[in-house]
Amino acid sequence: MDDRTRTELEAAAFRALRDHLRARTDVQNIDLMNLSGFCRNCLSRWYQEAANARGIEMDKAEARETVYGMPYEDWREKYQTEAAPEAQENFARTHRD
């Protein structure tokens, strides 16, 4: 497989993941973190870092809007729910920085 095709496939996979996460507003970021070790915010940070590494200025808010499909605060207001105590405990236990 040539590099261009690989890049196109990777970009298509990213868009599919982004769109899937946009559609699954019932899945909270803490649940994603507890199950997979990453969430929408991680994905947006990786996107921002990739842009910045290529000399494209992008701040956290812009990157998050790319992933969430709307400003992050709007998404939180519409879709974020209080995390279950078990999810909070699991997160605290497994994600120590």
N, C-alpha and C. Protein backbone atom coordinates (compact mmCIF):
# COMPACT_ATOMS: atom_id res chain seq x y z
N MET A 1 0.86 -1.18 0.00
CA MET A 1 0.00 0.00 0.00
C MET A 1 0.90 1.23 0.00
N ASP A 2 0.59 2.18 -0.85
CA ASP A 2 1.41 3.39 -0.90
C ASP A 2 1.02 4.35 0.24
N ASP A 3 1.90 5.30 0.52
CA ASP A 3 1.71 6.22 1.65
C ASP A 3 0.45 7.07 1.51
N ARG A 4 0.15 7.51 0.32
CA ARG A 4 -1.04 8.34 0.12
C ARG A 4 -2.32 7.56 0.46
N THR A 5 -2.39 6.34 -0.03
CA THR A 5 -3.56 5.50 0.25
C THR A 5 -3.67 5.23 1.75
N ARG A 6 -2.54 4.94 2.39
CA ARG A 6 -2.55 4.69 3.83
C ARG A 6 -3.07 5.91 4.58
N THR A 7 -2.60 7.09 4.21
CA THR A 7 -3.05 8.34 4.84
C THR A 7 -4.54 8.56 4.62
N GLU A 8 -5.02 8.28 3.42
CA GLU A 8 -6.45 8.44 3.13
C GLU A 8 -7.29 7.47 3.96
N LEU A 9 -6.82 6.24 4.10
CA LEU A 9 -7.54 5.26 4.91
C LEU A 9 -7.54 5.65 6.39
N GLU A 10 -6.40 6.11 6.87
CA GLU A 10 -6.31 6.55 8.27
C GLU A 10 -7.22 7.74 8.52
N ALA A 11 -7.26 8.67 7.58
CA ALA A 11 -8.15 9.83 7.71
C ALA A 11 -9.61 9.40 7.71
N ALA A 12 -9.95 8.45 6.86
CA ALA A 12 -11.33 7.95 6.82
C ALA A 12 -11.68 7.26 8.14
N ALA A 13 -10.74 6.50 8.70
CA ALA A 13 -10.99 5.84 9.98
C ALA A 13 -11.16 6.87 11.09
N PHE A 14 -10.35 7.93 11.08
CA PHE A 14 -10.50 8.99 12.07
C PHE A 14 -11.89 9.62 11.96
N ARG A 15 -12.30 9.95 10.75
CA ARG A 15 -13.62 10.57 10.57
C ARG A 15 -14.73 9.65 11.04
N ALA A 16 -14.60 8.36 10.77
CA ALA A 16 -15.62 7.41 11.23
C ALA A 16 -15.67 7.36 12.75
N LEU A 17 -14.51 7.35 13.40
CA LEU A 17 -14.47 7.36 14.87
C LEU A 17 -15.06 8.66 15.40
N ARG A 18 -14.67 9.79 14.82
CA ARG A 18 -15.20 11.09 15.24
C ARG A 18 -16.72 11.11 15.11
N ASP A 19 -17.23 10.66 13.99
CA ASP A 19 -18.67 10.68 13.76
C ASP A 19 -19.40 9.71 14.69
N HIS A 20 -18.78 8.58 14.95
CA HIS A 20 -19.38 7.62 15.88
C HIS A 20 -19.48 8.23 17.28
N LEU A 21 -18.42 8.89 17.73
CA LEU A 21 -18.44 9.51 19.05
C LEU A 21 -19.43 10.67 19.11
N ARG A 22 -19.58 11.40 18.01
CA ARG A 22 -20.58 12.47 17.98
C ARG A 22 -21.99 11.90 18.11
N ALA A 23 -22.22 10.77 17.49
CA ALA A 23 -23.55 10.17 17.52
C ALA A 23 -23.85 9.51 18.86
N ARG A 24 -22.84 9.03 19.54
CA ARG A 24 -23.03 8.31 20.81
C ARG A 24 -22.89 9.27 21.99
N THR A 25 -23.76 10.25 22.02
CA THR A 25 -23.73 11.22 23.12
C THR A 25 -24.11 10.59 24.45
N ASP A 26 -24.68 9.39 24.41
CA ASP A 26 -25.01 8.68 25.64
C ASP A 26 -23.77 8.13 26.34
N VAL A 27 -22.68 7.99 25.61
CA VAL A 27 -21.44 7.47 26.18
C VAL A 27 -20.64 8.65 26.72
N GLN A 28 -20.42 8.63 28.01
CA GLN A 28 -19.71 9.72 28.67
C GLN A 28 -18.19 9.52 28.55
N ASN A 29 -17.46 10.63 28.61
CA ASN A 29 -16.01 10.56 28.51
C ASN A 29 -15.39 9.70 29.61
N ILE A 30 -15.93 9.78 30.82
CA ILE A 30 -15.36 8.98 31.90
C ILE A 30 -15.51 7.49 31.60
N ASP A 31 -16.61 7.10 30.97
CA ASP A 31 -16.81 5.71 30.58
C ASP A 31 -15.80 5.29 29.52
N LEU A 32 -15.56 6.17 28.56
CA LEU A 32 -14.54 5.89 27.55
C LEU A 32 -13.16 5.73 28.19
N MET A 33 -12.83 6.64 29.10
CA MET A 33 -11.53 6.57 29.77
C MET A 33 -11.39 5.27 30.56
N ASN A 34 -12.44 4.91 31.27
CA ASN A 34 -12.37 3.70 32.08
C ASN A 34 -12.25 2.43 31.23
N LEU A 35 -12.87 2.43 30.06
CA LEU A 35 -12.83 1.25 29.21
C LEU A 35 -11.63 1.19 28.27
N SER A 36 -11.26 2.36 27.75
CA SER A 36 -10.26 2.35 26.69
C SER A 36 -9.00 3.16 26.98
N GLY A 37 -9.06 4.00 28.02
CA GLY A 37 -7.88 4.81 28.33
C GLY A 37 -7.80 6.09 27.53
N PHE A 38 -8.82 6.38 26.73
CA PHE A 38 -8.87 7.66 26.02
C PHE A 38 -10.33 8.08 25.88
N CYS A 39 -10.51 9.38 25.59
CA CYS A 39 -11.87 9.91 25.43
C CYS A 39 -11.87 10.96 24.32
N ARG A 40 -12.97 11.63 24.17
CA ARG A 40 -13.08 12.68 23.15
C ARG A 40 -12.05 13.77 23.36
N ASN A 41 -11.80 14.12 24.63
CA ASN A 41 -10.82 15.17 24.90
C ASN A 41 -9.42 14.73 24.50
N CYS A 42 -9.08 13.47 24.74
CA CYS A 42 -7.79 12.94 24.30
C CYS A 42 -7.67 13.03 22.78
N LEU A 43 -8.72 12.59 22.10
CA LEU A 43 -8.71 12.62 20.64
C LEU A 43 -8.53 14.04 20.13
N SER A 44 -9.21 14.99 20.75
CA SER A 44 -9.07 16.38 20.32
C SER A 44 -7.67 16.91 20.62
N ARG A 45 -7.06 16.48 21.74
CA ARG A 45 -5.70 16.91 22.06
C ARG A 45 -4.72 16.35 21.04
N TRP A 46 -4.89 15.09 20.65
CA TRP A 46 -4.01 14.51 19.63
C TRP A 46 -4.15 15.24 18.30
N TYR A 47 -5.37 15.62 17.98
CA TYR A 47 -5.63 16.37 16.74
C TYR A 47 -4.92 17.72 16.80
N GLN A 48 -5.06 18.41 17.93
CA GLN A 48 -4.41 19.70 18.11
C GLN A 48 -2.89 19.56 18.02
N GLU A 49 -2.34 18.57 18.69
CA GLU A 49 -0.89 18.35 18.66
C GLU A 49 -0.40 18.07 17.25
N ALA A 50 -1.16 17.30 16.48
CA ALA A 50 -0.78 17.01 15.09
C ALA A 50 -0.80 18.28 14.25
N ALA A 51 -1.82 19.10 14.46
CA ALA A 51 -1.90 20.38 13.72
C ALA A 51 -0.72 21.28 14.10
N ASN A 52 -0.50 21.43 15.39
CA ASN A 52 0.59 22.30 15.85
C ASN A 52 1.95 21.80 15.36
N ALA A 53 2.16 20.49 15.32
CA ALA A 53 3.42 19.93 14.85
C ALA A 53 3.67 20.25 13.37
N ARG A 54 2.59 20.52 12.65
CA ARG A 54 2.71 20.86 11.23
C ARG A 54 2.65 22.36 11.00
N GLY A 55 2.77 23.13 12.07
CA GLY A 55 2.79 24.59 11.95
C GLY A 55 1.42 25.22 11.82
N ILE A 56 0.37 24.45 12.09
CA ILE A 56 -1.00 24.98 12.03
C ILE A 56 -1.41 25.36 13.44
N GLU A 57 -1.66 26.64 13.65
CA GLU A 57 -2.07 27.09 14.97
C GLU A 57 -3.50 26.65 15.24
N MET A 58 -3.68 25.92 16.33
CA MET A 58 -5.00 25.45 16.73
C MET A 58 -5.01 25.40 18.25
N ASP A 59 -6.03 25.99 18.83
CA ASP A 59 -6.12 25.93 20.29
C ASP A 59 -7.02 24.77 20.71
N LYS A 60 -7.08 24.55 22.02
CA LYS A 60 -7.85 23.43 22.55
C LYS A 60 -9.32 23.53 22.17
N ALA A 61 -9.88 24.73 22.21
CA ALA A 61 -11.30 24.89 21.90
C ALA A 61 -11.59 24.52 20.45
N GLU A 62 -10.73 24.93 19.54
CA GLU A 62 -10.92 24.58 18.12
C GLU A 62 -10.82 23.08 17.90
N ALA A 63 -9.86 22.45 18.53
CA ALA A 63 -9.69 21.01 18.38
C ALA A 63 -10.88 20.27 18.95
N ARG A 64 -11.36 20.71 20.11
CA ARG A 64 -12.51 20.04 20.70
C ARG A 64 -13.75 20.21 19.83
N GLU A 65 -13.92 21.36 19.23
CA GLU A 65 -15.09 21.56 18.36
C GLU A 65 -15.02 20.63 17.15
N THR A 66 -13.81 20.35 16.67
CA THR A 66 -13.64 19.41 15.57
C THR A 66 -14.13 18.03 15.96
N VAL A 67 -13.83 17.61 17.18
CA VAL A 67 -14.22 16.27 17.63
C VAL A 67 -15.68 16.23 18.07
N TYR A 68 -16.10 17.22 18.85
CA TYR A 68 -17.46 17.21 19.40
C TYR A 68 -18.52 17.66 18.39
N GLY A 69 -18.12 18.40 17.37
CA GLY A 69 -19.09 18.89 16.39
C GLY A 69 -19.82 20.14 16.85
N MET A 70 -19.39 20.71 17.94
CA MET A 70 -19.98 21.92 18.52
C MET A 70 -19.02 22.40 19.60
N PRO A 71 -19.19 23.62 20.07
CA PRO A 71 -18.34 24.06 21.18
C PRO A 71 -18.48 23.10 22.37
N TYR A 72 -17.35 22.85 23.02
CA TYR A 72 -17.30 21.88 24.11
C TYR A 72 -18.31 22.21 25.21
N GLU A 73 -18.43 23.47 25.58
CA GLU A 73 -19.38 23.84 26.64
C GLU A 73 -20.82 23.53 26.24
N ASP A 74 -21.14 23.71 24.96
CA ASP A 74 -22.48 23.36 24.48
C ASP A 74 -22.72 21.86 24.62
N TRP A 75 -21.71 21.06 24.23
CA TRP A 75 -21.86 19.61 24.34
C TRP A 75 -22.06 19.22 25.80
N ARG A 76 -21.25 19.77 26.68
CA ARG A 76 -21.36 19.43 28.11
C ARG A 76 -22.76 19.77 28.63
N GLU A 77 -23.26 20.94 28.24
CA GLU A 77 -24.58 21.36 28.71
C GLU A 77 -25.68 20.43 28.20
N LYS A 78 -25.56 20.00 26.94
CA LYS A 78 -26.61 19.17 26.34
C LYS A 78 -26.52 17.71 26.73
N TYR A 79 -25.29 17.18 26.88
CA TYR A 79 -25.14 15.73 26.95
C TYR A 79 -24.42 15.18 28.18
N GLN A 80 -23.61 15.97 28.83
CA GLN A 80 -22.85 15.41 29.94
C GLN A 80 -23.74 15.19 31.15
N THR A 81 -23.57 14.03 31.75
CA THR A 81 -24.33 13.69 32.94
C THR A 81 -23.34 13.48 34.09
N GLU A 82 -23.88 13.43 35.29
CA GLU A 82 -23.05 13.16 36.46
C GLU A 82 -22.54 11.73 36.37
N ALA A 83 -21.26 11.56 36.58
CA ALA A 83 -20.67 10.23 36.54
C ALA A 83 -21.10 9.42 37.75
N ALA A 84 -21.37 8.16 37.52
CA ALA A 84 -21.74 7.26 38.61
C ALA A 84 -20.57 7.16 39.59
N PRO A 85 -20.85 6.99 40.87
CA PRO A 85 -19.76 6.86 41.85
C PRO A 85 -18.77 5.76 41.50
N GLU A 86 -19.26 4.64 40.97
CA GLU A 86 -18.36 3.54 40.58
C GLU A 86 -17.41 3.98 39.47
N ALA A 87 -17.93 4.74 38.52
CA ALA A 87 -17.08 5.22 37.42
C ALA A 87 -16.04 6.19 37.94
N GLN A 88 -16.42 7.06 38.86
CA GLN A 88 -15.47 8.00 39.45
C GLN A 88 -14.39 7.26 40.23
N GLU A 89 -14.77 6.24 40.98
CA GLU A 89 -13.80 5.47 41.75
C GLU A 89 -12.84 4.72 40.83
N ASN A 90 -13.38 4.12 39.78
CA ASN A 90 -12.54 3.40 38.81
C ASN A 90 -11.57 4.36 38.14
N PHE A 91 -12.05 5.52 37.76
CA PHE A 91 -11.19 6.52 37.12
C PHE A 91 -10.07 6.93 38.07
N ALA A 92 -10.41 7.24 39.31
CA ALA A 92 -9.42 7.68 40.29
C ALA A 92 -8.37 6.60 40.53
N ARG A 93 -8.79 5.35 40.51
CA ARG A 93 -7.90 4.23 40.76
C ARG A 93 -6.95 3.96 39.58
N THR A 94 -7.46 4.13 38.37
CA THR A 94 -6.68 3.71 37.20
C THR A 94 -6.01 4.84 36.43
N HIS A 95 -6.39 6.07 36.68
CA HIS A 95 -5.83 7.20 35.91
C HIS A 95 -5.17 8.21 36.83
N ARG A 96 -4.08 7.83 37.36
CA ARG A 96 -3.32 8.73 38.23
C ARG A 96 -2.21 9.37 37.41
N ASP A 97 -2.21 10.69 37.40
CA ASP A 97 -1.17 11.42 36.63
C ASP A 97 -0.05 11.88 37.53
